[in-house]
Amino acid sequence: MSAKNTKDRFDNLQTGYNAGFLNNLKSDIPAGLVVFLVALPLCLGIALASKVNPISGIIAGVIGGIIVGAISGSPLGVSGPAAGLIIIVINAIESLGSFEIFLAAVVLSGVFQVILGLLKVGVLGYYFPLAVIKGMLAGIGVTIIIKQIPHTVGYDKDPEGDMEFFQMDGENSFSELINMLNFVSPGAIAITLISMAILILWERKFFKKMAWTGIIPGPLVAVIFGIFCTLLFKGDTFWGLGQDQLVSIPKTSSVGDFFGLFSFPDWGHFANPDLYIVAATIAVVASLETLLCVEATDKLDPQKRVTPANRELIAQGSGNILSGLIGGLPITQVIVRSSANIQAGGKTKFSAIFHGALLMICVLLIPGVLNHIPYASLAAILLMVGYKLTKPALYFQMFAKGWSQFIPFFATIVVMVFTDLLIGISVGLAIAIVQILWNNFQTPFHFNPDEYKEGAPIEIELSEDVSFLNKAGILHTLNLIPNNSKVIIDGRKNKTIHPDIIEMIENFKENAKHRGIEVECIGMEEPPKKNVVLSFKNLFGKGFKVE
């Protein structure tokens, strides 16, 4: 099949995935509403943690939902401002001198991402091991739970969206759990417990049988209950909530006032090399986080659809260009929102677009209502999201698969909880690579001298693909071959071989002359140059074209 036909089939498949959204409005609208409730405090919290105007987080959320959602090929992924970029944003604004110069870097980072998508760099996302991706999901679930516990008791000093171990308020994830005991609010605890009861009730099979529960999502009921309690006990010294325990959105008297809060890039610093360093940093980190979230979201998708990764980079880049132009934070696909979308029953990309539209409409029209939402109600929703990402059954499942799967899985979780997402993924990936190297060292070229029968030829059969990862294993085997023996290196099944391996075999043949070893090579007559080209093409996925 030609590359063009493969592309057409893939595009048609994606169109089939995303088509017919009108038939799924019954699922997508409630899911979009749930994602909106999750995204609202995260957009505000990430902006506050980044030390910028809260409206910048809302802008990024709206663009991530509507613009990125429309361009993206991901049926369930949801984009918006990312917690993983908070430190980068703070340092970048400080190094560049102003938020407006930083916005120019955001625009430029979007251009870089579009270029990365056009260069097909998105294929790199498929090289992350499944154990590491599952560890990432479970690690995010654990982090969400730890971070939400203070909000459940009414201690909201650390803003929503701060997912780092070392927090903006000077505490860390665990010391905050001790510190919160000095700020317990009975009203917040009551709201959390009743909100959790509502959410759990909505998950029960007998309750799902009622037709109206499919139209009115449980998280909306929990939030409405929270607003009711806020108004009912307003001013009460025991049950009442303080202003810092409620969502806080900038109020505007008109649409014009809202758009007046926009900021615009300062284009007068293109000679500053720091601008390009910041832009490249945002592009690389945002692209990596997006590819990881794309892979994780596809794994959570009940239909197991495959997101076109390169198209996703183009969509994210387009979103960052627009976000930077009107004063928004950098955007990535975000697993917390995406998993909430999936758990709420979203079917197509309309749920992501709808959540973005809700963010814009509600902030414009009813900021006063939104400002009565207690963080305790939202914490209950996020606790449910976190639990579903890190269910105990997942740990037993990974343990049953053996240490080779469980170790990178568990290491990813532990490191993520104590650092952040990218460091956790890096450690998990490093462990997985070490396992691959160890396996390549042991097989399929292992030779046991104790089983060698003197006078019998030693056969080493090369597999179809022999890469530089096999160097240690092959070298170890060749060094074990006894003097004055005969070895046959059979390359008849081999299709690609790295030039390092060829050179190693040539060096062995030369050394064998001095050890009395007779070397016979079969099926290795192809010139090294051809093998190098094939190996290079194979590395970058020749014949596996992804748009």
Protein backbone atom coordinates (compact mmCIF):
# COMPACT_ATOMS: atom_id res chain seq x y z
CA MET A 1 0.00 0.00 0.00
CA SER A 2 1.37 3.44 -0.93
CA ALA A 3 2.19 6.09 1.64
CA LYS A 4 -0.61 8.28 0.20
CA ASN A 5 -3.18 5.51 0.57
CA THR A 6 -1.97 4.86 4.11
CA LYS A 7 -2.37 8.57 4.91
CA ASP A 8 -5.85 8.67 3.36
CA ARG A 9 -6.95 5.63 5.34
CA PHE A 10 -5.56 7.14 8.55
CA ASP A 11 -7.28 10.51 7.90
CA ASN A 12 -10.55 8.78 7.09
CA LEU A 13 -10.24 6.75 10.28
CA GLN A 14 -9.73 9.91 12.31
CA THR A 15 -12.66 11.59 10.55
CA GLY A 16 -14.76 8.59 11.48
CA TYR A 17 -13.66 8.95 15.09
CA ASN A 18 -14.62 12.60 15.30
CA ALA A 19 -17.62 12.63 12.98
CA GLY A 20 -21.17 12.34 14.21
CA PHE A 21 -20.65 14.49 17.29
CA LEU A 22 -24.26 15.60 17.00
CA ASN A 23 -25.23 12.04 17.82
CA ASN A 24 -23.18 12.20 21.04
CA LEU A 25 -24.38 15.50 22.49
CA LYS A 26 -26.17 13.64 25.28
CA SER A 27 -22.76 12.44 26.48
CA ASP A 28 -20.53 15.32 25.40
CA ILE A 29 -22.48 18.22 26.93
CA PRO A 30 -22.50 16.80 30.50
CA ALA A 31 -18.85 15.78 30.07
CA GLY A 32 -17.94 19.27 28.86
CA LEU A 33 -19.70 20.73 31.90
CA VAL A 34 -17.69 18.50 34.24
CA VAL A 35 -14.44 19.44 32.49
CA PHE A 36 -15.43 23.11 32.83
CA LEU A 37 -15.86 22.68 36.61
CA VAL A 38 -12.45 21.00 36.83
CA ALA A 39 -10.72 23.45 34.48
CA LEU A 40 -12.02 26.70 36.01
CA PRO A 41 -10.07 26.54 39.30
CA LEU A 42 -7.05 25.04 37.53
CA CYS A 43 -6.92 27.93 35.03
CA LEU A 44 -7.14 30.47 37.85
CA GLY A 45 -4.77 28.57 40.14
CA ILE A 46 -2.06 28.08 37.51
CA ALA A 47 -2.21 31.79 36.67
CA LEU A 48 -1.89 32.74 40.35
CA ALA A 49 0.96 30.25 40.83
CA SER A 50 2.66 31.74 37.75
CA LYS A 51 2.30 35.22 39.32
CA VAL A 52 0.27 36.67 36.43
CA ASN A 53 -3.24 38.08 36.07
CA PRO A 54 -5.86 35.32 36.60
CA ILE A 55 -7.48 36.29 33.30
CA SER A 56 -4.37 34.94 31.51
CA GLY A 57 -5.24 31.47 32.75
CA ILE A 58 -8.86 31.82 31.59
CA ILE A 59 -7.71 32.97 28.13
CA ALA A 60 -5.46 29.93 27.82
CA GLY A 61 -8.31 27.67 28.93
CA VAL A 62 -10.74 29.13 26.40
CA ILE A 63 -8.25 28.86 23.52
CA GLY A 64 -7.19 25.38 24.63
CA GLY A 65 -10.80 24.27 24.56
CA ILE A 66 -12.20 25.98 21.47
CA ILE A 67 -9.24 26.56 19.12
CA VAL A 68 -6.96 23.63 19.98
CA GLY A 69 -9.99 21.37 20.40
CA ALA A 70 -11.22 22.25 16.92
CA ILE A 71 -7.86 21.73 15.18
CA SER A 72 -6.72 18.69 17.16
CA GLY A 73 -7.37 15.14 16.04
CA SER A 74 -7.69 13.97 19.65
CA PRO A 75 -11.27 12.87 20.34
CA LEU A 76 -10.99 13.20 24.12
CA GLY A 77 -7.90 15.30 24.89
CA VAL A 78 -8.45 18.65 26.62
CA SER A 79 -5.90 21.45 26.50
CA GLY A 80 -5.25 24.50 28.63
CA PRO A 81 -2.61 26.12 30.85
CA ALA A 82 -0.27 23.49 32.29
CA ALA A 83 1.06 23.15 35.82
CA GLY A 84 4.34 21.78 34.43
CA LEU A 85 5.17 25.17 32.93
CA ILE A 86 4.65 27.29 36.06
CA ILE A 87 8.33 27.49 37.03
CA ILE A 88 9.34 28.15 33.42
CA VAL A 89 6.80 31.00 33.18
CA ILE A 90 7.98 32.64 36.43
CA ASN A 91 11.67 32.43 35.49
CA ALA A 92 11.02 33.53 31.91
CA ILE A 93 9.11 36.67 32.92
CA GLU A 94 11.88 37.54 35.37
CA SER A 95 14.68 36.98 32.84
CA LEU A 96 12.93 38.79 29.96
CA GLY A 97 11.85 41.74 32.09
CA SER A 98 8.09 41.89 31.50
CA PHE A 99 4.99 39.81 30.85
CA GLU A 100 4.52 41.46 27.44
CA ILE A 101 7.96 40.33 26.26
CA PHE A 102 7.15 36.86 27.59
CA LEU A 103 3.99 36.84 25.43
CA ALA A 104 6.18 37.34 22.35
CA ALA A 105 8.13 34.24 23.41
CA VAL A 106 4.85 32.29 23.74
CA VAL A 107 3.89 33.25 20.19
CA LEU A 108 7.32 32.21 18.94
CA SER A 109 7.09 28.90 20.84
CA GLY A 110 3.84 28.21 19.01
CA VAL A 111 5.59 28.76 15.69
CA PHE A 112 8.30 26.29 16.76
CA GLN A 113 5.64 23.71 17.68
CA VAL A 114 3.94 24.02 14.30
CA ILE A 115 7.33 23.44 12.65
CA LEU A 116 7.91 20.38 14.86
CA GLY A 117 4.55 19.01 13.76
CA LEU A 118 5.33 19.58 10.09
CA LEU A 119 8.67 17.81 10.58
CA LYS A 120 6.78 14.77 11.97
CA VAL A 121 8.50 14.93 15.37
CA GLY A 122 5.29 13.75 17.01
CA VAL A 123 6.24 10.14 16.29
CA LEU A 124 8.61 10.32 19.28
CA GLY A 125 5.58 10.06 21.56
CA TYR A 126 5.09 6.44 20.51
CA TYR A 127 8.45 5.41 21.99
CA PHE A 128 7.41 5.76 25.64
CA PRO A 129 6.88 2.35 27.30
CA LEU A 130 3.36 1.51 28.45
CA ALA A 131 4.55 0.83 32.02
CA VAL A 132 5.90 4.39 32.23
CA ILE A 133 2.70 5.89 30.79
CA LYS A 134 0.60 3.97 33.32
CA GLY A 135 2.99 5.11 36.04
CA MET A 136 2.51 8.69 34.89
CA LEU A 137 -1.27 8.37 35.13
CA ALA A 138 -1.11 6.76 38.58
CA GLY A 139 1.46 9.34 39.74
CA ILE A 140 -0.80 12.19 38.65
CA GLY A 141 -3.65 10.52 40.51
CA VAL A 142 -1.60 10.30 43.73
CA THR A 143 -0.44 13.90 43.35
CA ILE A 144 -4.01 15.15 42.80
CA ILE A 145 -5.19 13.40 45.96
CA ILE A 146 -2.32 14.75 48.09
CA LYS A 147 -2.75 18.27 46.71
CA GLN A 148 -6.54 18.31 47.21
CA ILE A 149 -6.61 17.15 50.83
CA PRO A 150 -5.80 20.65 52.22
CA HIS A 151 -8.65 22.13 50.13
CA THR A 152 -11.07 19.58 51.61
CA VAL A 153 -10.55 21.05 55.10
CA GLY A 154 -10.62 24.66 53.95
CA TYR A 155 -6.90 25.43 53.77
CA ASP A 156 -6.45 27.04 50.35
CA LYS A 157 -3.20 28.95 50.62
CA ASP A 158 -1.54 26.91 47.87
CA PRO A 159 -3.42 27.66 44.63
CA GLU A 160 -5.16 24.99 42.56
CA GLY A 161 -2.96 23.75 39.75
CA ASP A 162 0.32 23.82 41.65
CA MET A 163 1.41 20.20 41.13
CA GLU A 164 5.05 20.64 42.18
CA PHE A 165 6.35 18.89 45.30
CA PHE A 166 7.91 22.13 46.58
CA GLN A 167 5.03 24.58 46.66
CA MET A 168 4.70 28.27 46.02
CA ASP A 169 3.74 28.90 49.67
CA GLY A 170 7.06 27.54 50.97
CA GLU A 171 5.63 24.18 52.02
CA ASN A 172 5.94 20.84 50.25
CA SER A 173 3.20 18.34 49.44
CA PHE A 174 3.55 16.49 52.76
CA SER A 175 4.36 19.34 55.14
CA GLU A 176 1.20 21.02 53.85
CA LEU A 177 -0.84 18.09 55.19
CA ILE A 178 0.49 18.85 58.68
CA ASN A 179 0.21 22.61 58.35
CA MET A 180 -3.43 22.41 57.24
CA LEU A 181 -4.44 21.08 60.67
CA ASN A 182 -4.03 24.63 62.01
CA PHE A 183 -6.62 25.99 59.57
CA VAL A 184 -9.46 23.46 59.64
CA SER A 185 -12.87 24.82 58.60
CA PRO A 186 -15.96 22.81 59.69
CA GLY A 187 -17.98 24.26 56.81
CA ALA A 188 -15.42 23.18 54.20
CA ILE A 189 -15.23 19.65 55.66
CA ALA A 190 -19.03 19.33 55.62
CA ILE A 191 -19.21 20.52 51.99
CA THR A 192 -16.47 18.08 50.99
CA LEU A 193 -18.08 15.08 52.66
CA ILE A 194 -21.55 15.74 51.27
CA SER A 195 -20.12 16.52 47.81
CA MET A 196 -18.21 13.23 47.90
CA ALA A 197 -21.40 11.41 48.92
CA ILE A 198 -23.24 12.96 45.96
CA LEU A 199 -20.48 11.94 43.53
CA ILE A 200 -20.33 8.38 44.88
CA LEU A 201 -24.12 8.09 44.74
CA TRP A 202 -24.07 9.19 41.09
CA GLU A 203 -21.67 6.31 40.35
CA ARG A 204 -23.95 3.61 41.78
CA LYS A 205 -25.62 1.32 39.25
CA PHE A 206 -29.11 1.69 40.74
CA PHE A 207 -28.80 5.48 40.53
CA LYS A 208 -27.54 5.45 36.95
CA LYS A 209 -30.72 3.66 35.90
CA MET A 210 -32.67 6.87 36.48
CA ALA A 211 -32.89 8.71 33.15
CA TRP A 212 -32.39 12.20 34.60
CA THR A 213 -29.02 11.30 36.14
CA GLY A 214 -27.57 10.96 32.66
CA ILE A 215 -28.60 14.53 31.86
CA ILE A 216 -27.57 16.18 35.14
CA PRO A 217 -23.97 15.21 36.05
CA GLY A 218 -23.11 14.56 39.68
CA PRO A 219 -20.28 17.15 39.78
CA LEU A 220 -22.76 19.88 38.82
CA VAL A 221 -25.06 18.87 41.68
CA ALA A 222 -22.08 18.89 44.07
CA VAL A 223 -21.10 22.40 42.97
CA ILE A 224 -24.66 23.70 43.24
CA PHE A 225 -24.85 22.26 46.75
CA GLY A 226 -21.57 24.03 47.58
CA ILE A 227 -22.91 27.36 46.29
CA PHE A 228 -26.10 26.86 48.34
CA CYS A 229 -24.08 26.24 51.52
CA THR A 230 -21.88 29.26 50.83
CA LEU A 231 -24.93 31.54 50.59
CA LEU A 232 -26.81 29.85 53.47
CA PHE A 233 -23.99 30.19 56.00
CA LYS A 234 -22.58 33.51 54.77
CA GLY A 235 -21.35 35.46 57.78
CA ASP A 236 -21.62 32.48 60.14
CA THR A 237 -18.46 32.31 62.25
CA PHE A 238 -18.57 28.50 62.54
CA TRP A 239 -19.98 27.08 59.30
CA GLY A 240 -19.31 30.05 57.01
CA LEU A 241 -16.47 30.17 54.45
CA GLY A 242 -13.97 32.96 53.97
CA GLN A 243 -13.38 34.68 50.65
CA ASP A 244 -10.06 32.87 50.24
CA GLN A 245 -11.97 29.56 50.31
CA LEU A 246 -14.02 30.49 47.25
CA VAL A 247 -13.27 30.76 43.54
CA SER A 248 -12.19 34.31 42.66
CA ILE A 249 -12.72 35.56 39.10
CA PRO A 250 -12.11 39.18 38.10
CA LYS A 251 -15.50 40.89 37.76
CA THR A 252 -16.29 42.97 34.69
CA SER A 253 -19.37 45.14 34.10
CA SER A 254 -19.40 44.57 30.33
CA VAL A 255 -17.89 42.51 27.53
CA GLY A 256 -15.73 45.50 26.66
CA ASP A 257 -14.27 45.54 30.15
CA PHE A 258 -13.42 41.85 29.84
CA PHE A 259 -11.55 42.33 26.58
CA GLY A 260 -9.86 45.32 28.16
CA LEU A 261 -8.06 42.89 30.48
CA PHE A 262 -6.16 41.40 27.52
CA SER A 263 -2.40 41.94 27.24
CA PHE A 264 -0.43 42.06 24.01
CA PRO A 265 3.12 41.05 23.07
CA ASP A 266 6.01 43.50 23.04
CA TRP A 267 7.61 42.94 19.62
CA GLY A 268 10.63 45.16 20.19
CA HIS A 269 13.02 42.52 21.57
CA PHE A 270 13.70 40.16 18.69
CA ALA A 271 17.44 40.88 18.98
CA ASN A 272 17.44 39.46 22.52
CA PRO A 273 18.76 35.85 22.41
CA ASP A 274 16.96 35.10 25.71
CA LEU A 275 13.67 35.46 23.84
CA TYR A 276 14.53 32.52 21.58
CA ILE A 277 15.87 30.44 24.48
CA VAL A 278 12.60 30.90 26.39
CA ALA A 279 10.53 30.18 23.27
CA ALA A 280 12.48 27.01 22.50
CA THR A 281 12.23 25.86 26.14
CA ILE A 282 8.45 26.35 26.18
CA ALA A 283 8.09 24.62 22.80
CA VAL A 284 10.12 21.57 23.85
CA VAL A 285 8.58 21.15 27.31
CA ALA A 286 5.02 21.85 26.12
CA SER A 287 5.43 19.45 23.18
CA LEU A 288 6.84 16.71 25.39
CA GLU A 289 4.05 17.09 27.97
CA THR A 290 1.48 17.08 25.17
CA LEU A 291 2.86 13.91 23.56
CA LEU A 292 2.90 12.17 26.94
CA CYS A 293 -0.68 13.23 27.66
CA VAL A 294 -1.80 12.20 24.17
CA GLU A 295 -0.37 8.72 24.73
CA ALA A 296 -1.95 8.50 28.20
CA THR A 297 -5.34 9.78 27.01
CA ASP A 298 -5.42 7.25 24.19
CA LYS A 299 -4.75 4.50 26.74
CA LEU A 300 -7.71 5.70 28.85
CA ASP A 301 -10.05 6.00 25.87
CA PRO A 302 -12.62 3.16 26.08
CA GLN A 303 -12.61 2.99 22.25
CA LYS A 304 -8.79 2.90 22.11
CA ARG A 305 -8.62 5.51 19.36
CA VAL A 306 -5.24 6.80 18.19
CA THR A 307 -4.54 10.53 18.16
CA PRO A 308 -2.45 11.82 15.20
CA ALA A 309 0.53 13.15 17.17
CA ASN A 310 1.93 15.48 14.51
CA ARG A 311 -1.44 17.11 14.00
CA GLU A 312 -1.64 17.56 17.77
CA LEU A 313 1.65 19.49 17.78
CA ILE A 314 0.31 21.74 15.02
CA ALA A 315 -2.91 22.30 17.00
CA GLN A 316 -0.98 23.10 20.20
CA GLY A 317 1.32 25.45 18.31
CA SER A 318 -1.64 27.27 16.77
CA GLY A 319 -3.19 27.61 20.22
CA ASN A 320 0.00 29.04 21.71
CA ILE A 321 0.35 31.55 18.88
CA LEU A 322 -3.16 32.88 19.56
CA SER A 323 -2.80 32.65 23.35
CA GLY A 324 0.40 34.69 23.26
CA LEU A 325 -1.18 37.28 20.96
CA ILE A 326 -3.98 38.15 23.41
CA GLY A 327 -2.31 37.65 26.80
CA GLY A 328 -2.78 33.97 27.64
CA LEU A 329 -0.43 31.47 29.28
CA PRO A 330 1.28 28.67 27.31
CA ILE A 331 -0.97 25.71 26.47
CA THR A 332 -0.48 21.95 26.50
CA GLN A 333 -2.80 18.97 26.48
CA VAL A 334 -3.53 18.28 30.18
CA ILE A 335 -4.15 14.80 31.55
CA VAL A 336 -6.21 15.96 34.57
CA ARG A 337 -8.82 17.58 32.31
CA SER A 338 -8.59 14.84 29.69
CA SER A 339 -9.13 12.07 32.25
CA ALA A 340 -12.05 14.01 33.78
CA ASN A 341 -13.53 14.21 30.28
CA ILE A 342 -13.20 10.45 29.81
CA GLN A 343 -14.55 9.61 33.26
CA ALA A 344 -17.54 11.92 32.68
CA GLY A 345 -18.44 9.98 29.54
CA GLY A 346 -17.17 12.27 26.77
CA LYS A 347 -17.31 10.71 23.30
CA THR A 348 -15.96 13.27 20.82
CA LYS A 349 -13.93 16.47 20.72
CA PHE A 350 -17.13 18.50 21.13
CA SER A 351 -16.89 18.07 24.91
CA ALA A 352 -13.50 19.85 24.91
CA ILE A 353 -14.80 22.63 22.66
CA PHE A 354 -17.94 23.00 24.79
CA HIS A 355 -15.90 23.32 27.99
CA GLY A 356 -13.91 26.17 26.39
CA ALA A 357 -17.11 27.92 25.34
CA LEU A 358 -18.51 27.54 28.88
CA LEU A 359 -15.36 29.09 30.35
CA MET A 360 -15.74 32.15 28.13
CA ILE A 361 -19.51 32.55 28.55
CA CYS A 362 -19.59 32.05 32.30
CA VAL A 363 -16.66 34.35 32.99
CA LEU A 364 -18.32 37.01 30.83
CA LEU A 365 -21.88 36.67 32.11
CA ILE A 366 -21.96 35.16 35.60
CA PRO A 367 -18.67 35.81 37.41
CA GLY A 368 -20.63 36.63 40.57
CA VAL A 369 -22.18 33.14 40.64
CA LEU A 370 -18.85 31.46 39.98
CA ASN A 371 -17.29 33.40 42.84
CA HIS A 372 -19.58 31.55 45.27
CA ILE A 373 -18.17 28.13 44.33
CA PRO A 374 -16.22 26.71 47.30
CA TYR A 375 -12.89 25.04 46.60
CA ALA A 376 -14.08 22.21 48.86
CA SER A 377 -16.70 21.14 46.27
CA LEU A 378 -14.13 21.25 43.47
CA ALA A 379 -11.67 19.31 45.64
CA ALA A 380 -14.25 16.53 46.00
CA ILE A 381 -14.53 16.30 42.20
CA LEU A 382 -10.76 16.18 41.76
CA LEU A 383 -10.40 13.56 44.50
CA MET A 384 -12.67 11.29 42.47
CA VAL A 385 -10.61 11.98 39.34
CA GLY A 386 -7.40 11.21 41.22
CA TYR A 387 -8.74 7.98 42.71
CA LYS A 388 -9.84 6.65 39.31
CA LEU A 389 -6.35 7.31 37.95
CA THR A 390 -4.59 5.42 40.73
CA LYS A 391 -6.97 2.62 41.76
CA PRO A 392 -5.37 -0.14 43.88
CA ALA A 393 -6.33 -2.67 41.20
CA LEU A 394 -3.88 -0.99 38.81
CA TYR A 395 -0.96 -1.69 41.18
CA PHE A 396 -1.89 -5.37 41.50
CA GLN A 397 -2.27 -5.58 37.73
CA MET A 398 1.19 -4.14 37.08
CA PHE A 399 2.77 -6.29 39.82
CA ALA A 400 1.29 -9.40 38.21
CA LYS A 401 3.09 -8.54 34.97
CA GLY A 402 6.48 -8.99 36.62
CA TRP A 403 9.30 -6.82 37.91
CA SER A 404 10.27 -5.64 34.42
CA GLN A 405 6.92 -3.81 34.23
CA PHE A 406 6.35 -2.97 37.88
CA ILE A 407 9.73 -1.35 38.62
CA PRO A 408 9.55 1.43 35.95
CA PHE A 409 5.84 1.85 36.73
CA PHE A 410 6.35 2.32 40.48
CA ALA A 411 9.54 4.38 40.10
CA THR A 412 7.71 6.80 37.83
CA ILE A 413 5.00 7.26 40.47
CA VAL A 414 7.39 7.82 43.40
CA VAL A 415 9.64 10.27 41.57
CA MET A 416 6.65 12.20 40.18
CA VAL A 417 5.15 12.63 43.65
CA PHE A 418 8.45 13.97 45.04
CA THR A 419 9.40 16.11 42.02
CA ASP A 420 7.23 16.67 38.92
CA LEU A 421 5.84 14.96 35.83
CA LEU A 422 8.81 15.32 33.49
CA ILE A 423 11.41 14.16 36.03
CA GLY A 424 9.23 11.18 36.95
CA ILE A 425 8.80 10.20 33.31
CA SER A 426 12.54 10.62 32.70
CA VAL A 427 13.44 8.30 35.58
CA GLY A 428 10.88 5.71 34.53
CA LEU A 429 12.12 5.88 30.94
CA ALA A 430 15.75 5.59 32.08
CA ILE A 431 14.93 2.43 34.06
CA ALA A 432 13.09 0.97 31.05
CA ILE A 433 16.09 1.72 28.81
CA VAL A 434 18.47 0.06 31.29
CA GLN A 435 16.23 -3.02 31.22
CA ILE A 436 16.36 -3.04 27.41
CA LEU A 437 20.15 -2.74 27.46
CA TRP A 438 20.41 -5.57 29.99
CA ASN A 439 18.13 -7.79 27.92
CA ASN A 440 20.15 -7.00 24.81
CA PHE A 441 23.31 -7.86 26.72
CA GLN A 442 21.93 -11.26 27.63
CA THR A 443 20.05 -12.25 24.46
CA PRO A 444 19.91 -13.34 21.68
CA PHE A 445 23.69 -13.72 21.39
CA HIS A 446 24.50 -15.48 24.65
CA PHE A 447 27.15 -18.19 24.55
CA ASN A 448 27.73 -20.49 27.53
CA PRO A 449 31.34 -21.82 27.54
CA ASP A 450 30.33 -24.64 29.92
CA GLU A 451 28.03 -26.11 27.25
CA TYR A 452 30.64 -25.89 24.49
CA LYS A 453 31.77 -29.20 22.96
CA GLU A 454 35.31 -29.05 21.67
CA GLY A 455 35.50 -29.32 17.88
CA ALA A 456 31.84 -28.38 17.31
CA PRO A 457 31.23 -25.13 15.41
CA ILE A 458 29.71 -22.26 17.36
CA GLU A 459 26.76 -20.64 15.57
CA ILE A 460 25.69 -17.06 16.16
CA GLU A 461 22.50 -16.20 14.31
CA LEU A 462 21.77 -12.49 13.86
CA SER A 463 18.15 -11.37 14.17
CA GLU A 464 16.35 -9.29 11.54
CA ASP A 465 17.29 -5.98 13.16
CA VAL A 466 20.60 -5.59 14.97
CA SER A 467 21.09 -2.12 16.45
CA PHE A 468 23.83 -0.48 18.48
CA LEU A 469 21.89 -1.61 21.57
CA ASN A 470 23.12 -5.14 20.80
CA LYS A 471 26.79 -4.12 20.94
CA ALA A 472 27.41 -5.15 24.53
CA GLY A 473 25.71 -8.53 24.12
CA ILE A 474 27.51 -9.42 20.91
CA LEU A 475 30.89 -8.25 22.20
CA HIS A 476 30.41 -10.27 25.39
CA THR A 477 29.59 -13.37 23.32
CA LEU A 478 32.55 -12.94 20.99
CA ASN A 479 34.93 -12.55 23.93
CA LEU A 480 33.70 -15.86 25.39
CA ILE A 481 34.48 -17.87 22.26
CA PRO A 482 37.39 -20.22 23.07
CA ASN A 483 40.66 -20.17 21.15
CA ASN A 484 41.25 -22.64 18.31
CA SER A 485 37.52 -23.02 17.58
CA LYS A 486 35.25 -22.32 14.62
CA VAL A 487 32.46 -19.75 14.72
CA ILE A 488 29.74 -19.21 12.13
CA ILE A 489 28.04 -15.78 12.11
CA ASP A 490 24.75 -16.30 10.26
CA GLY A 491 23.25 -13.10 8.89
CA ARG A 492 20.78 -14.63 6.43
CA LYS A 493 17.76 -13.45 8.43
CA ASN A 494 19.21 -10.02 8.98
CA LYS A 495 17.67 -7.02 7.23
CA THR A 496 19.27 -4.09 9.03
CA ILE A 497 22.52 -3.95 10.95
CA HIS A 498 24.16 -0.98 12.59
CA PRO A 499 27.63 -0.04 11.24
CA ASP A 500 29.06 -0.32 14.78
CA ILE A 501 28.16 -4.03 14.75
CA ILE A 502 29.78 -4.52 11.36
CA GLU A 503 32.96 -2.86 12.57
CA MET A 504 32.91 -4.99 15.74
CA ILE A 505 32.65 -8.19 13.65
CA GLU A 506 35.47 -7.03 11.38
CA ASN A 507 37.65 -6.35 14.42
CA PHE A 508 36.82 -9.78 15.80
CA LYS A 509 37.79 -11.45 12.52
CA GLU A 510 41.14 -9.70 12.69
CA ASN A 511 41.67 -10.69 16.33
CA ALA A 512 40.56 -14.27 15.57
CA LYS A 513 43.62 -14.77 13.37
CA HIS A 514 45.81 -14.43 16.47
CA ARG A 515 43.63 -16.77 18.55
CA GLY A 516 43.41 -19.59 16.07
CA ILE A 517 39.67 -19.03 15.58
CA GLU A 518 38.17 -19.75 12.17
CA VAL A 519 35.42 -17.27 11.35
CA GLU A 520 32.79 -17.84 8.65
CA CYS A 521 30.20 -15.17 7.86
CA ILE A 522 27.07 -16.19 5.97
CA GLY A 523 24.62 -13.77 4.36
CA MET A 524 26.58 -10.64 5.21
CA GLU A 525 27.74 -9.67 1.77
CA GLU A 526 25.71 -6.43 1.61
CA PRO A 527 27.87 -3.28 1.63
CA PRO A 528 27.78 -1.40 4.94
CA LYS A 529 26.52 1.79 3.24
CA LYS A 530 23.21 0.19 2.31
CA ASN A 531 22.76 -1.14 5.83
CA VAL A 532 23.40 2.31 7.29
CA VAL A 533 20.64 3.85 5.16
CA LEU A 534 18.20 1.09 6.05
CA SER A 535 19.02 1.41 9.74
CA PHE A 536 18.49 5.16 9.62
CA LYS A 537 15.15 4.81 7.90
CA ASN A 538 14.06 2.11 10.28
CA LEU A 539 14.88 4.31 13.27
CA PHE A 540 12.48 6.99 12.09
CA GLY A 541 9.67 4.67 11.13
CA LYS A 542 9.92 4.07 7.38
CA GLY A 543 6.58 2.73 6.22
CA PHE A 544 4.77 3.97 9.33
CA LYS A 545 3.63 7.44 8.39
CA VAL A 546 1.59 9.39 10.94
CA GLU A 547 -0.05 12.66 10.18
